[in-house]
Amino acid sequence: MNDKNYQKILKMSFASVYPHYITKAEKKGRTTQEVNQIIHWLTGYDEKTLLQHLDNKTNFEDFFTQATINPNASKITGVICGYRVEDIEVPLMQQIRYLDKLIDELAKGKAMEKILRE
C-alpha cells in the first residue's frame, strides 16, 4: 500500500465506515450488536466509548491508537483486501485490517466464539 493511500485511510472518520460494517453484517442476517461486540473485543471500548468515537467522528488513526487492542488479535489470520493480515508490518494498518477481517468473518456466518478467537 502506498503512503498516500495509507494516510487517506488513517484520516478517514471511523463513523463514515461504521455503517458499511453494519450493512455488510445485516445483509447476511447478522446484527449491529454482533458488529459492536467485535469492535468491543478488538479495541477494548465499551458501548459508551464507541458511541463517543462515532459522535466525534474520530479518524481511524486516533480510534486505534486510543484503543487497547485485544492480546488475542494476533491470532487473526487470513487475507483481506488482498493482504495477509498477519504479514502487515505497520501495526496501525494491521489493526484496521483485523477489524475488516473480523467483520468479513461475521458476514460469512462464522460462529462468534471463533471470530473472537475464544
PDB file of N, CA and C in Angstrom:
ATOM      1  N   MET A   1       0.850  -1.176   0.000  1.00  0.00           N
ATOM      2  CA  MET A   1       0.000   0.000   0.000  1.00  0.00           C
ATOM      3  C   MET A   1       0.891   1.233   0.000  1.00  0.00           C
ATOM      4  N   ASN A   2       0.565   2.161  -0.871  1.00  0.00           N
ATOM      5  CA  ASN A   2       1.417   3.353  -0.914  1.00  0.00           C
ATOM      6  C   ASN A   2       1.078   4.306   0.227  1.00  0.00           C
ATOM      7  N   ASP A   3       2.021   5.190   0.506  1.00  0.00           N
ATOM      8  CA  ASP A   3       1.907   6.090   1.650  1.00  0.00           C
ATOM      9  C   ASP A   3       0.689   7.009   1.546  1.00  0.00           C
ATOM     10  N   LYS A   4       0.359   7.421   0.342  1.00  0.00           N
ATOM     11  CA  LYS A   4      -0.783   8.318   0.143  1.00  0.00           C
ATOM     12  C   LYS A   4      -2.093   7.629   0.548  1.00  0.00           C
ATOM     13  N   ASN A   5      -2.281   6.387   0.105  1.00  0.00           N
ATOM     14  CA  ASN A   5      -3.484   5.637   0.469  1.00  0.00           C
ATOM     15  C   ASN A   5      -3.539   5.377   1.974  1.00  0.00           C
ATOM     16  N   TYR A   6      -2.390   5.056   2.554  1.00  0.00           N
ATOM     17  CA  TYR A   6      -2.308   4.791   3.989  1.00  0.00           C
ATOM     18  C   TYR A   6      -2.738   6.024   4.774  1.00  0.00           C
ATOM     19  N   GLN A   7      -2.214   7.183   4.414  1.00  0.00           N
ATOM     20  CA  GLN A   7      -2.569   8.432   5.096  1.00  0.00           C
ATOM     21  C   GLN A   7      -4.064   8.737   4.932  1.00  0.00           C
ATOM     22  N   LYS A   8      -4.597   8.449   3.757  1.00  0.00           N
ATOM     23  CA  LYS A   8      -6.019   8.691   3.491  1.00  0.00           C
ATOM     24  C   LYS A   8      -6.883   7.834   4.423  1.00  0.00           C
ATOM     25  N   ILE A   9      -6.510   6.575   4.581  1.00  0.00           N
ATOM     26  CA  ILE A   9      -7.254   5.671   5.463  1.00  0.00           C
ATOM     27  C   ILE A   9      -7.174   6.153   6.909  1.00  0.00           C
ATOM     28  N   LEU A  10      -5.980   6.532   7.349  1.00  0.00           N
ATOM     29  CA  LEU A  10      -5.808   6.974   8.742  1.00  0.00           C
ATOM     30  C   LEU A  10      -6.656   8.193   9.075  1.00  0.00           C
ATOM     31  N   LYS A  11      -6.838   9.086   8.108  1.00  0.00           N
ATOM     32  CA  LYS A  11      -7.582  10.324   8.347  1.00  0.00           C
ATOM     33  C   LYS A  11      -9.086  10.164   8.142  1.00  0.00           C
ATOM     34  N   MET A  12      -9.483   9.025   7.583  1.00  0.00           N
ATOM     35  CA  MET A  12     -10.897   8.763   7.358  1.00  0.00           C
ATOM     36  C   MET A  12     -11.609   8.604   8.706  1.00  0.00           C
ATOM     37  N   SER A  13     -12.797   9.135   8.806  1.00  0.00           N
ATOM     38  CA  SER A  13     -13.573   9.033  10.038  1.00  0.00           C
ATOM     39  C   SER A  13     -14.088   7.596  10.208  1.00  0.00           C
ATOM     40  N   PHE A  14     -13.917   7.067  11.417  1.00  0.00           N
ATOM     41  CA  PHE A  14     -14.434   5.726  11.713  1.00  0.00           C
ATOM     42  C   PHE A  14     -15.949   5.709  11.500  1.00  0.00           C
ATOM     43  N   ALA A  15     -16.607   6.806  11.884  1.00  0.00           N
ATOM     44  CA  ALA A  15     -18.069   6.900  11.749  1.00  0.00           C
ATOM     45  C   ALA A  15     -18.526   6.805  10.296  1.00  0.00           C
ATOM     46  N   SER A  16     -17.656   7.178   9.352  1.00  0.00           N
ATOM     47  CA  SER A  16     -18.038   7.107   7.937  1.00  0.00           C
ATOM     48  C   SER A  16     -18.000   5.680   7.403  1.00  0.00           C
ATOM     49  N   VAL A  17     -17.247   4.806   8.061  1.00  0.00           N
ATOM     50  CA  VAL A  17     -17.119   3.417   7.610  1.00  0.00           C
ATOM     51  C   VAL A  17     -18.018   2.484   8.427  1.00  0.00           C
ATOM     52  N   TYR A  18     -18.281   2.835   9.655  1.00  0.00           N
ATOM     53  CA  TYR A  18     -19.088   2.013  10.565  1.00  0.00           C
ATOM     54  C   TYR A  18     -20.415   1.550   9.940  1.00  0.00           C
ATOM     55  N   PRO A  19     -21.187   2.445   9.283  1.00  0.00           N
ATOM     56  CA  PRO A  19     -22.446   1.975   8.671  1.00  0.00           C
ATOM     57  C   PRO A  19     -22.233   0.874   7.626  1.00  0.00           C
ATOM     58  N   HIS A  20     -21.076   0.892   6.962  1.00  0.00           N
ATOM     59  CA  HIS A  20     -20.781  -0.145   5.971  1.00  0.00           C
ATOM     60  C   HIS A  20     -20.547  -1.495   6.654  1.00  0.00           C
ATOM     61  N   TYR A  21     -19.915  -1.473   7.836  1.00  0.00           N
ATOM     62  CA  TYR A  21     -19.753  -2.713   8.617  1.00  0.00           C
ATOM     63  C   TYR A  21     -21.133  -3.274   8.977  1.00  0.00           C
ATOM     64  N   ILE A  22     -22.028  -2.383   9.421  1.00  0.00           N
ATOM     65  CA  ILE A  22     -23.374  -2.794   9.824  1.00  0.00           C
ATOM     66  C   ILE A  22     -24.130  -3.370   8.624  1.00  0.00           C
ATOM     67  N   THR A  23     -24.096  -2.658   7.505  1.00  0.00           N
ATOM     68  CA  THR A  23     -24.795  -3.104   6.295  1.00  0.00           C
ATOM     69  C   THR A  23     -24.286  -4.468   5.843  1.00  0.00           C
ATOM     70  N   LYS A  24     -22.967  -4.634   5.833  1.00  0.00           N
ATOM     71  CA  LYS A  24     -22.372  -5.905   5.403  1.00  0.00           C
ATOM     72  C   LYS A  24     -22.862  -7.047   6.290  1.00  0.00           C
ATOM     73  N   ALA A  25     -22.905  -6.807   7.597  1.00  0.00           N
ATOM     74  CA  ALA A  25     -23.354  -7.834   8.538  1.00  0.00           C
ATOM     75  C   ALA A  25     -24.853  -8.117   8.375  1.00  0.00           C
ATOM     76  N   GLU A  26     -25.656  -7.060   8.306  1.00  0.00           N
ATOM     77  CA  GLU A  26     -27.109  -7.232   8.243  1.00  0.00           C
ATOM     78  C   GLU A  26     -27.565  -7.900   6.956  1.00  0.00           C
ATOM     79  N   LYS A  27     -26.853  -7.654   5.850  1.00  0.00           N
ATOM     80  CA  LYS A  27     -27.190  -8.307   4.574  1.00  0.00           C
ATOM     81  C   LYS A  27     -27.098  -9.827   4.700  1.00  0.00           C
ATOM     82  N   LYS A  28     -26.261 -10.280   5.639  1.00  0.00           N
ATOM     83  CA  LYS A  28     -26.057 -11.713   5.832  1.00  0.00           C
ATOM     84  C   LYS A  28     -26.763 -12.228   7.089  1.00  0.00           C
ATOM     85  N   GLY A  29     -27.716 -11.436   7.593  1.00  0.00           N
ATOM     86  CA  GLY A  29     -28.521 -11.881   8.723  1.00  0.00           C
ATOM     87  C   GLY A  29     -27.867 -11.716  10.087  1.00  0.00           C
ATOM     88  N   ARG A  30     -26.795 -10.959  10.151  1.00  0.00           N
ATOM     89  CA  ARG A  30     -26.133 -10.703  11.429  1.00  0.00           C
ATOM     90  C   ARG A  30     -26.617  -9.350  11.965  1.00  0.00           C
ATOM     91  N   THR A  31     -26.210  -8.976  13.178  1.00  0.00           N
ATOM     92  CA  THR A  31     -26.789  -7.796  13.823  1.00  0.00           C
ATOM     93  C   THR A  31     -25.763  -6.706  14.143  1.00  0.00           C
ATOM     94  N   THR A  32     -26.292  -5.515  14.388  1.00  0.00           N
ATOM     95  CA  THR A  32     -25.465  -4.394  14.848  1.00  0.00           C
ATOM     96  C   THR A  32     -24.784  -4.775  16.163  1.00  0.00           C
ATOM     97  N   GLN A  33     -25.513  -5.471  17.037  1.00  0.00           N
ATOM     98  CA  GLN A  33     -24.950  -5.876  18.324  1.00  0.00           C
ATOM     99  C   GLN A  33     -23.733  -6.770  18.134  1.00  0.00           C
ATOM    100  N   GLU A  34     -23.784  -7.644  17.137  1.00  0.00           N
ATOM    101  CA  GLU A  34     -22.638  -8.520  16.873  1.00  0.00           C
ATOM    102  C   GLU A  34     -21.447  -7.719  16.345  1.00  0.00           C
ATOM    103  N   VAL A  35     -21.719  -6.744  15.480  1.00  0.00           N
ATOM    104  CA  VAL A  35     -20.645  -5.874  14.983  1.00  0.00           C
ATOM    105  C   VAL A  35     -20.012  -5.143  16.163  1.00  0.00           C
ATOM    106  N   ASN A  36     -20.855  -4.589  17.041  1.00  0.00           N
ATOM    107  CA  ASN A  36     -20.343  -3.863  18.203  1.00  0.00           C
ATOM    108  C   ASN A  36     -19.564  -4.782  19.139  1.00  0.00           C
ATOM    109  N   GLN A  37     -20.026  -6.007  19.299  1.00  0.00           N
ATOM    110  CA  GLN A  37     -19.316  -6.973  20.139  1.00  0.00           C
ATOM    111  C   GLN A  37     -17.904  -7.213  19.600  1.00  0.00           C
ATOM    112  N   ILE A  38     -17.780  -7.320  18.296  1.00  0.00           N
ATOM    113  CA  ILE A  38     -16.467  -7.497  17.659  1.00  0.00           C
ATOM    114  C   ILE A  38     -15.590  -6.272  17.920  1.00  0.00           C
ATOM    115  N   ILE A  39     -16.160  -5.089  17.748  1.00  0.00           N
ATOM    116  CA  ILE A  39     -15.396  -3.854  17.974  1.00  0.00           C
ATOM    117  C   ILE A  39     -14.958  -3.768  19.435  1.00  0.00           C
ATOM    118  N   HIS A  40     -15.866  -4.099  20.352  1.00  0.00           N
ATOM    119  CA  HIS A  40     -15.527  -4.078  21.789  1.00  0.00           C
ATOM    120  C   HIS A  40     -14.386  -5.049  22.078  1.00  0.00           C
ATOM    121  N   TRP A  41     -14.490  -6.248  21.520  1.00  0.00           N
ATOM    122  CA  TRP A  41     -13.463  -7.276  21.751  1.00  0.00           C
ATOM    123  C   TRP A  41     -12.103  -6.816  21.231  1.00  0.00           C
ATOM    124  N   LEU A  42     -12.077  -6.281  20.017  1.00  0.00           N
ATOM    125  CA  LEU A  42     -10.813  -5.897  19.399  1.00  0.00           C
ATOM    126  C   LEU A  42     -10.185  -4.667  20.064  1.00  0.00           C
ATOM    127  N   THR A  43     -11.008  -3.675  20.397  1.00  0.00           N
ATOM    128  CA  THR A  43     -10.478  -2.382  20.840  1.00  0.00           C
ATOM    129  C   THR A  43     -10.504  -2.154  22.348  1.00  0.00           C
ATOM    130  N   GLY A  44     -11.311  -2.929  23.054  1.00  0.00           N
ATOM    131  CA  GLY A  44     -11.470  -2.704  24.491  1.00  0.00           C
ATOM    132  C   GLY A  44     -12.463  -1.599  24.811  1.00  0.00           C
ATOM    133  N   TYR A  45     -13.044  -0.967  23.793  1.00  0.00           N
ATOM    134  CA  TYR A  45     -14.019   0.096  24.020  1.00  0.00           C
ATOM    135  C   TYR A  45     -15.341  -0.490  24.508  1.00  0.00           C
ATOM    136  N   ASP A  46     -15.972   0.183  25.465  1.00  0.00           N
ATOM    137  CA  ASP A  46     -17.324  -0.201  25.847  1.00  0.00           C
ATOM    138  C   ASP A  46     -18.310   0.546  24.933  1.00  0.00           C
ATOM    139  N   GLU A  47     -19.585   0.288  25.125  1.00  0.00           N
ATOM    140  CA  GLU A  47     -20.618   0.878  24.254  1.00  0.00           C
ATOM    141  C   GLU A  47     -20.563   2.406  24.284  1.00  0.00           C
ATOM    142  N   LYS A  48     -20.419   2.967  25.476  1.00  0.00           N
ATOM    143  CA  LYS A  48     -20.388   4.431  25.632  1.00  0.00           C
ATOM    144  C   LYS A  48     -19.202   5.038  24.870  1.00  0.00           C
ATOM    145  N   THR A  49     -18.038   4.437  25.013  1.00  0.00           N
ATOM    146  CA  THR A  49     -16.836   4.959  24.343  1.00  0.00           C
ATOM    147  C   THR A  49     -16.965   4.834  22.825  1.00  0.00           C
ATOM    148  N   LEU A  50     -17.498   3.707  22.366  1.00  0.00           N
ATOM    149  CA  LEU A  50     -17.712   3.519  20.927  1.00  0.00           C
ATOM    150  C   LEU A  50     -18.636   4.618  20.396  1.00  0.00           C
ATOM    151  N   LEU A  51     -19.728   4.875  21.090  1.00  0.00           N
ATOM    152  CA  LEU A  51     -20.668   5.909  20.651  1.00  0.00           C
ATOM    153  C   LEU A  51     -20.022   7.292  20.645  1.00  0.00           C
ATOM    154  N   GLN A  52     -19.150   7.564  21.623  1.00  0.00           N
ATOM    155  CA  GLN A  52     -18.435   8.847  21.647  1.00  0.00           C
ATOM    156  C   GLN A  52     -17.544   8.985  20.410  1.00  0.00           C
ATOM    157  N   HIS A  53     -16.841   7.915  20.063  1.00  0.00           N
ATOM    158  CA  HIS A  53     -15.987   7.952  18.870  1.00  0.00           C
ATOM    159  C   HIS A  53     -16.822   8.176  17.606  1.00  0.00           C
ATOM    160  N   LEU A  54     -17.991   7.548  17.555  1.00  0.00           N
ATOM    161  CA  LEU A  54     -18.868   7.736  16.392  1.00  0.00           C
ATOM    162  C   LEU A  54     -19.397   9.173  16.350  1.00  0.00           C
ATOM    163  N   ASP A  55     -19.841   9.684  17.500  1.00  0.00           N
ATOM    164  CA  ASP A  55     -20.361  11.059  17.563  1.00  0.00           C
ATOM    165  C   ASP A  55     -19.285  12.084  17.225  1.00  0.00           C
ATOM    166  N   ASN A  56     -18.069  11.833  17.696  1.00  0.00           N
ATOM    167  CA  ASN A  56     -16.961  12.775  17.481  1.00  0.00           C
ATOM    168  C   ASN A  56     -16.309  12.627  16.108  1.00  0.00           C
ATOM    169  N   LYS A  57     -16.762  11.615  15.353  1.00  0.00           N
ATOM    170  CA  LYS A  57     -16.193  11.329  14.033  1.00  0.00           C
ATOM    171  C   LYS A  57     -14.671  11.151  14.099  1.00  0.00           C
ATOM    172  N   THR A  58     -14.254  10.403  15.105  1.00  0.00           N
ATOM    173  CA  THR A  58     -12.835  10.091  15.315  1.00  0.00           C
ATOM    174  C   THR A  58     -12.264   9.436  14.071  1.00  0.00           C
ATOM    175  N   ASN A  59     -11.061   9.841  13.664  1.00  0.00           N
ATOM    176  CA  ASN A  59     -10.446   9.201  12.499  1.00  0.00           C
ATOM    177  C   ASN A  59      -9.866   7.838  12.900  1.00  0.00           C
ATOM    178  N   PHE A  60      -9.573   7.016  11.904  1.00  0.00           N
ATOM    179  CA  PHE A  60      -9.070   5.667  12.165  1.00  0.00           C
ATOM    180  C   PHE A  60      -7.788   5.673  12.990  1.00  0.00           C
ATOM    181  N   GLU A  61      -6.905   6.624  12.703  1.00  0.00           N
ATOM    182  CA  GLU A  61      -5.642   6.686  13.428  1.00  0.00           C
ATOM    183  C   GLU A  61      -5.889   6.859  14.925  1.00  0.00           C
ATOM    184  N   ASP A  62      -6.707   7.827  15.296  1.00  0.00           N
ATOM    185  CA  ASP A  62      -6.988   8.067  16.713  1.00  0.00           C
ATOM    186  C   ASP A  62      -7.822   6.939  17.314  1.00  0.00           C
ATOM    187  N   PHE A  63      -8.761   6.421  16.537  1.00  0.00           N
ATOM    188  CA  PHE A  63      -9.619   5.331  17.014  1.00  0.00           C
ATOM    189  C   PHE A  63      -8.768   4.149  17.471  1.00  0.00           C
ATOM    190  N   PHE A  64      -7.770   3.795  16.679  1.00  0.00           N
ATOM    191  CA  PHE A  64      -6.948   2.634  17.026  1.00  0.00           C
ATOM    192  C   PHE A  64      -5.797   2.959  17.978  1.00  0.00           C
ATOM    193  N   THR A  65      -5.232   4.156  17.923  1.00  0.00           N
ATOM    194  CA  THR A  65      -4.141   4.465  18.852  1.00  0.00           C
ATOM    195  C   THR A  65      -4.668   4.645  20.273  1.00  0.00           C
ATOM    196  N   GLN A  66      -5.938   5.013  20.428  1.00  0.00           N
ATOM    197  CA  GLN A  66      -6.530   5.155  21.759  1.00  0.00           C
ATOM    198  C   GLN A  66      -7.096   3.829  22.293  1.00  0.00           C
ATOM    199  N   ALA A  67      -7.147   2.835  21.438  1.00  0.00           N
ATOM    200  CA  ALA A  67      -7.719   1.529  21.820  1.00  0.00           C
ATOM    201  C   ALA A  67      -6.705   0.692  22.595  1.00  0.00           C
ATOM    202  N   THR A  68      -7.246  -0.272  23.349  1.00  0.00           N
ATOM    203  CA  THR A  68      -6.429  -1.297  23.989  1.00  0.00           C
ATOM    204  C   THR A  68      -6.685  -2.569  23.197  1.00  0.00           C
ATOM    205  N   ILE A  69      -5.805  -2.855  22.242  1.00  0.00           N
ATOM    206  CA  ILE A  69      -6.025  -3.985  21.327  1.00  0.00           C
ATOM    207  C   ILE A  69      -5.949  -5.307  22.091  1.00  0.00           C
ATOM    208  N   ASN A  70      -6.929  -6.147  21.847  1.00  0.00           N
ATOM    209  CA  ASN A  70      -7.000  -7.456  22.500  1.00  0.00           C
ATOM    210  C   ASN A  70      -5.730  -8.252  22.209  1.00  0.00           C
ATOM    211  N   PRO A  71      -5.116  -8.837  23.257  1.00  0.00           N
ATOM    212  CA  PRO A  71      -3.888  -9.612  23.038  1.00  0.00           C
ATOM    213  C   PRO A  71      -4.090 -10.807  22.098  1.00  0.00           C
ATOM    214  N   ASN A  72      -5.316 -11.301  21.978  1.00  0.00           N
ATOM    215  CA  ASN A  72      -5.591 -12.422  21.075  1.00  0.00           C
ATOM    216  C   ASN A  72      -5.767 -11.979  19.623  1.00  0.00           C
ATOM    217  N   ALA A  73      -5.679 -10.688  19.364  1.00  0.00           N
ATOM    218  CA  ALA A  73      -5.822 -10.191  17.985  1.00  0.00           C
ATOM    219  C   ALA A  73      -4.753 -10.790  17.077  1.00  0.00           C
ATOM    220  N   SER A  74      -3.606 -11.128  17.651  1.00  0.00           N
ATOM    221  CA  SER A  74      -2.531 -11.719  16.838  1.00  0.00           C
ATOM    222  C   SER A  74      -2.925 -13.093  16.275  1.00  0.00           C
ATOM    223  N   LYS A  75      -4.012 -13.672  16.790  1.00  0.00           N
ATOM    224  CA  LYS A  75      -4.499 -14.958  16.268  1.00  0.00           C
ATOM    225  C   LYS A  75      -5.332 -14.782  14.999  1.00  0.00           C
ATOM    226  N   ILE A  76      -5.615 -13.534  14.634  1.00  0.00           N
ATOM    227  CA  ILE A  76      -6.397 -13.259  13.426  1.00  0.00           C
ATOM    228  C   ILE A  76      -5.473 -13.432  12.221  1.00  0.00           C
ATOM    229  N   THR A  77      -5.849 -14.338  11.343  1.00  0.00           N
ATOM    230  CA  THR A  77      -5.044 -14.608  10.155  1.00  0.00           C
ATOM    231  C   THR A  77      -5.946 -14.669   8.932  1.00  0.00           C
ATOM    232  N   GLY A  78      -5.331 -14.623   7.784  1.00  0.00           N
ATOM    233  CA  GLY A  78      -6.082 -14.745   6.544  1.00  0.00           C
ATOM    234  C   GLY A  78      -5.907 -13.527   5.674  1.00  0.00           C
ATOM    235  N   VAL A  79      -6.626 -13.523   4.564  1.00  0.00           N
ATOM    236  CA  VAL A  79      -6.482 -12.463   3.563  1.00  0.00           C
ATOM    237  C   VAL A  79      -7.700 -11.551   3.605  1.00  0.00           C
ATOM    238  N   ILE A  80      -7.432 -10.256   3.587  1.00  0.00           N
ATOM    239  CA  ILE A  80      -8.491  -9.255   3.466  1.00  0.00           C
ATOM    240  C   ILE A  80      -7.971  -8.140   2.557  1.00  0.00           C
ATOM    241  N   CYS A  81      -8.770  -7.757   1.602  1.00  0.00           N
ATOM    242  CA  CYS A  81      -8.387  -6.704   0.642  1.00  0.00           C
ATOM    243  C   CYS A  81      -7.056  -7.019  -0.041  1.00  0.00           C
ATOM    244  N   GLY A  82      -6.801  -8.296  -0.269  1.00  0.00           N
ATOM    245  CA  GLY A  82      -5.589  -8.704  -0.968  1.00  0.00           C
ATOM    246  C   GLY A  82      -4.338  -8.772  -0.113  1.00  0.00           C
ATOM    247  N   TYR A  83      -4.470  -8.536   1.181  1.00  0.00           N
ATOM    248  CA  TYR A  83      -3.317  -8.568   2.091  1.00  0.00           C
ATOM    249  C   TYR A  83      -3.494  -9.659   3.134  1.00  0.00           C
ATOM    250  N   ARG A  84      -2.404 -10.372   3.445  1.00  0.00           N
ATOM    251  CA  ARG A  84      -2.403 -11.313   4.570  1.00  0.00           C
ATOM    252  C   ARG A  84      -2.285 -10.486   5.834  1.00  0.00           C
ATOM    253  N   VAL A  85      -3.307 -10.523   6.697  1.00  0.00           N
ATOM    254  CA  VAL A  85      -3.299  -9.651   7.872  1.00  0.00           C
ATOM    255  C   VAL A  85      -2.110  -9.915   8.792  1.00  0.00           C
ATOM    256  N   GLU A  86      -1.697 -11.167   8.876  1.00  0.00           N
ATOM    257  CA  GLU A  86      -0.578 -11.487   9.773  1.00  0.00           C
ATOM    258  C   GLU A  86       0.764 -10.968   9.243  1.00  0.00           C
ATOM    259  N   ASP A  87       0.815 -10.596   7.955  1.00  0.00           N
ATOM    260  CA  ASP A  87       2.065 -10.113   7.354  1.00  0.00           C
ATOM    261  C   ASP A  87       2.139  -8.587   7.229  1.00  0.00           C
ATOM    262  N   ILE A  88       1.069  -7.889   7.612  1.00  0.00           N
ATOM    263  CA  ILE A  88       1.084  -6.422   7.518  1.00  0.00           C
ATOM    264  C   ILE A  88       2.038  -5.887   8.582  1.00  0.00           C
ATOM    265  N   GLU A  89       3.019  -5.117   8.134  1.00  0.00           N
ATOM    266  CA  GLU A  89       4.095  -4.688   9.026  1.00  0.00           C
ATOM    267  C   GLU A  89       3.794  -3.418   9.816  1.00  0.00           C
ATOM    268  N   VAL A  90       2.885  -2.587   9.339  1.00  0.00           N
ATOM    269  CA  VAL A  90       2.549  -1.342  10.041  1.00  0.00           C
ATOM    270  C   VAL A  90       1.425  -1.668  11.039  1.00  0.00           C
ATOM    271  N   PRO A  91       1.721  -1.601  12.339  1.00  0.00           N
ATOM    272  CA  PRO A  91       0.745  -2.027  13.352  1.00  0.00           C
ATOM    273  C   PRO A  91      -0.644  -1.394  13.218  1.00  0.00           C
ATOM    274  N   LEU A  92      -0.688  -0.097  12.952  1.00  0.00           N
ATOM    275  CA  LEU A  92      -1.972   0.581  12.829  1.00  0.00           C
ATOM    276  C   LEU A  92      -2.780   0.039  11.653  1.00  0.00           C
ATOM    277  N   MET A  93      -2.124  -0.167  10.528  1.00  0.00           N
ATOM    278  CA  MET A  93      -2.811  -0.712   9.352  1.00  0.00           C
ATOM    279  C   MET A  93      -3.257  -2.142   9.630  1.00  0.00           C
ATOM    280  N   GLN A  94      -2.424  -2.889  10.340  1.00  0.00           N
ATOM    281  CA  GLN A  94      -2.778  -4.265  10.690  1.00  0.00           C
ATOM    282  C   GLN A  94      -4.039  -4.288  11.554  1.00  0.00           C
ATOM    283  N   GLN A  95      -4.137  -3.377  12.506  1.00  0.00           N
ATOM    284  CA  GLN A  95      -5.309  -3.323  13.379  1.00  0.00           C
ATOM    285  C   GLN A  95      -6.571  -2.982  12.594  1.00  0.00           C
ATOM    286  N   ILE A  96      -6.458  -2.062  11.656  1.00  0.00           N
ATOM    287  CA  ILE A  96      -7.592  -1.711  10.802  1.00  0.00           C
ATOM    288  C   ILE A  96      -8.028  -2.928   9.997  1.00  0.00           C
ATOM    289  N   ARG A  97      -7.071  -3.640   9.445  1.00  0.00           N
ATOM    290  CA  ARG A  97      -7.385  -4.839   8.654  1.00  0.00           C
ATOM    291  C   ARG A  97      -7.901  -5.980   9.527  1.00  0.00           C
ATOM    292  N   TYR A  98      -7.458  -6.043  10.799  1.00  0.00           N
ATOM    293  CA  TYR A  98      -8.027  -7.026  11.729  1.00  0.00           C
ATOM    294  C   TYR A  98      -9.542  -6.818  11.809  1.00  0.00           C
ATOM    295  N   LEU A  99      -9.951  -5.574  11.987  1.00  0.00           N
ATOM    296  CA  LEU A  99     -11.381  -5.291  12.097  1.00  0.00           C
ATOM    297  C   LEU A  99     -12.097  -5.665  10.803  1.00  0.00           C
ATOM    298  N   ASP A 100     -11.516  -5.309   9.664  1.00  0.00           N
ATOM    299  CA  ASP A 100     -12.106  -5.691   8.379  1.00  0.00           C
ATOM    300  C   ASP A 100     -12.286  -7.206   8.294  1.00  0.00           C
ATOM    301  N   LYS A 101     -11.269  -7.935   8.710  1.00  0.00           N
ATOM    302  CA  LYS A 101     -11.286  -9.399   8.645  1.00  0.00           C
ATOM    303  C   LYS A 101     -12.371  -9.972   9.555  1.00  0.00           C
ATOM    304  N   LEU A 102     -12.493  -9.442  10.761  1.00  0.00           N
ATOM    305  CA  LEU A 102     -13.497  -9.940  11.705  1.00  0.00           C
ATOM    306  C   LEU A 102     -14.911  -9.687  11.198  1.00  0.00           C
ATOM    307  N   ILE A 103     -15.141  -8.511  10.624  1.00  0.00           N
ATOM    308  CA  ILE A 103     -16.461  -8.195  10.060  1.00  0.00           C
ATOM    309  C   ILE A 103     -16.746  -9.112   8.880  1.00  0.00           C
ATOM    310  N   ASP A 104     -15.734  -9.385   8.082  1.00  0.00           N
ATOM    311  CA  ASP A 104     -15.869 -10.301   6.957  1.00  0.00           C
ATOM    312  C   ASP A 104     -16.256 -11.705   7.444  1.00  0.00           C
ATOM    313  N   GLU A 105     -15.604 -12.169   8.507  1.00  0.00           N
ATOM    314  CA  GLU A 105     -15.921 -13.488   9.072  1.00  0.00           C
ATOM    315  C   GLU A 105     -17.359 -13.519   9.592  1.00  0.00           C
ATOM    316  N   LEU A 106     -17.797 -12.434  10.221  1.00  0.00           N
ATOM    317  CA  LEU A 106     -19.168 -12.338  10.713  1.00  0.00           C
ATOM    318  C   LEU A 106     -20.149 -12.471   9.548  1.00  0.00           C
ATOM    319  N   ALA A 107     -19.889 -11.727   8.479  1.00  0.00           N
ATOM    320  CA  ALA A 107     -20.767 -11.746   7.308  1.00  0.00           C
ATOM    321  C   ALA A 107     -20.776 -13.100   6.613  1.00  0.00           C
ATOM    322  N   LYS A 108     -19.692 -13.860   6.776  1.00  0.00           N
ATOM    323  CA  LYS A 108     -19.627 -15.188   6.160  1.00  0.00           C
ATOM    324  C   LYS A 108     -20.277 -16.260   7.036  1.00  0.00           C
ATOM    325  N   GLY A 109     -20.853 -15.844   8.180  1.00  0.00           N
ATOM    326  CA  GLY A 109     -21.597 -16.780   9.008  1.00  0.00           C
ATOM    327  C   GLY A 109     -20.788 -17.529  10.047  1.00  0.00           C
ATOM    328  N   LYS A 110     -19.562 -17.119  10.254  1.00  0.00           N
ATOM    329  CA  LYS A 110     -18.717 -17.785  11.238  1.00  0.00           C
ATOM    330  C   LYS A 110     -19.298 -17.586  12.641  1.00  0.00           C
ATOM    331  N   ALA A 111     -19.154 -18.588  13.489  1.00  0.00           N
ATOM    332  CA  ALA A 111     -19.647 -18.509  14.866  1.00  0.00           C
ATOM    333  C   ALA A 111     -18.882 -17.441  15.648  1.00  0.00           C
ATOM    334  N   MET A 112     -19.588 -16.730  16.514  1.00  0.00           N
ATOM    335  CA  MET A 112     -18.980 -15.634  17.271  1.00  0.00           C
ATOM    336  C   MET A 112     -17.788 -16.104  18.113  1.00  0.00           C
ATOM    337  N   GLU A 113     -17.851 -17.295  18.697  1.00  0.00           N
ATOM    338  CA  GLU A 113     -16.726 -17.796  19.512  1.00  0.00           C
ATOM    339  C   GLU A 113     -15.455 -17.914  18.661  1.00  0.00           C
ATOM    340  N   LYS A 114     -15.629 -18.339  17.420  1.00  0.00           N
ATOM    341  CA  LYS A 114     -14.463 -18.469  16.523  1.00  0.00           C
ATOM    342  C   LYS A 114     -13.962 -17.090  16.089  1.00  0.00           C
ATOM    343  N   ILE A 115     -14.886 -16.184  15.808  1.00  0.00           N
ATOM    344  CA  ILE A 115     -14.500 -14.826  15.402  1.00  0.00           C
ATOM    345  C   ILE A 115     -13.695 -14.172  16.504  1.00  0.00           C
ATOM    346  N   LEU A 116     -14.145 -14.355  17.751  1.00  0.00           N
ATOM    347  CA  LEU A 116     -13.485 -13.717  18.903  1.00  0.00           C
ATOM    348  C   LEU A 116     -12.327 -14.548  19.433  1.00  0.00           C
ATOM    349  N   ARG A 117     -11.921 -15.547  18.682  1.00  0.00           N
ATOM    350  CA  ARG A 117     -10.750 -16.368  18.995  1.00  0.00           C
ATOM    351  C   ARG A 117     -10.793 -16.919  20.411  1.00  0.00           C
ATOM    352  N   GLU A 118     -11.991 -17.434  20.793  1.00  0.00           N
ATOM    353  CA  GLU A 118     -12.153 -17.999  22.145  1.00  0.00           C
ATOM    354  C   GLU A 118     -11.833 -19.475  22.169  1.00  0.00           C
TER     355      GLU A 118
END
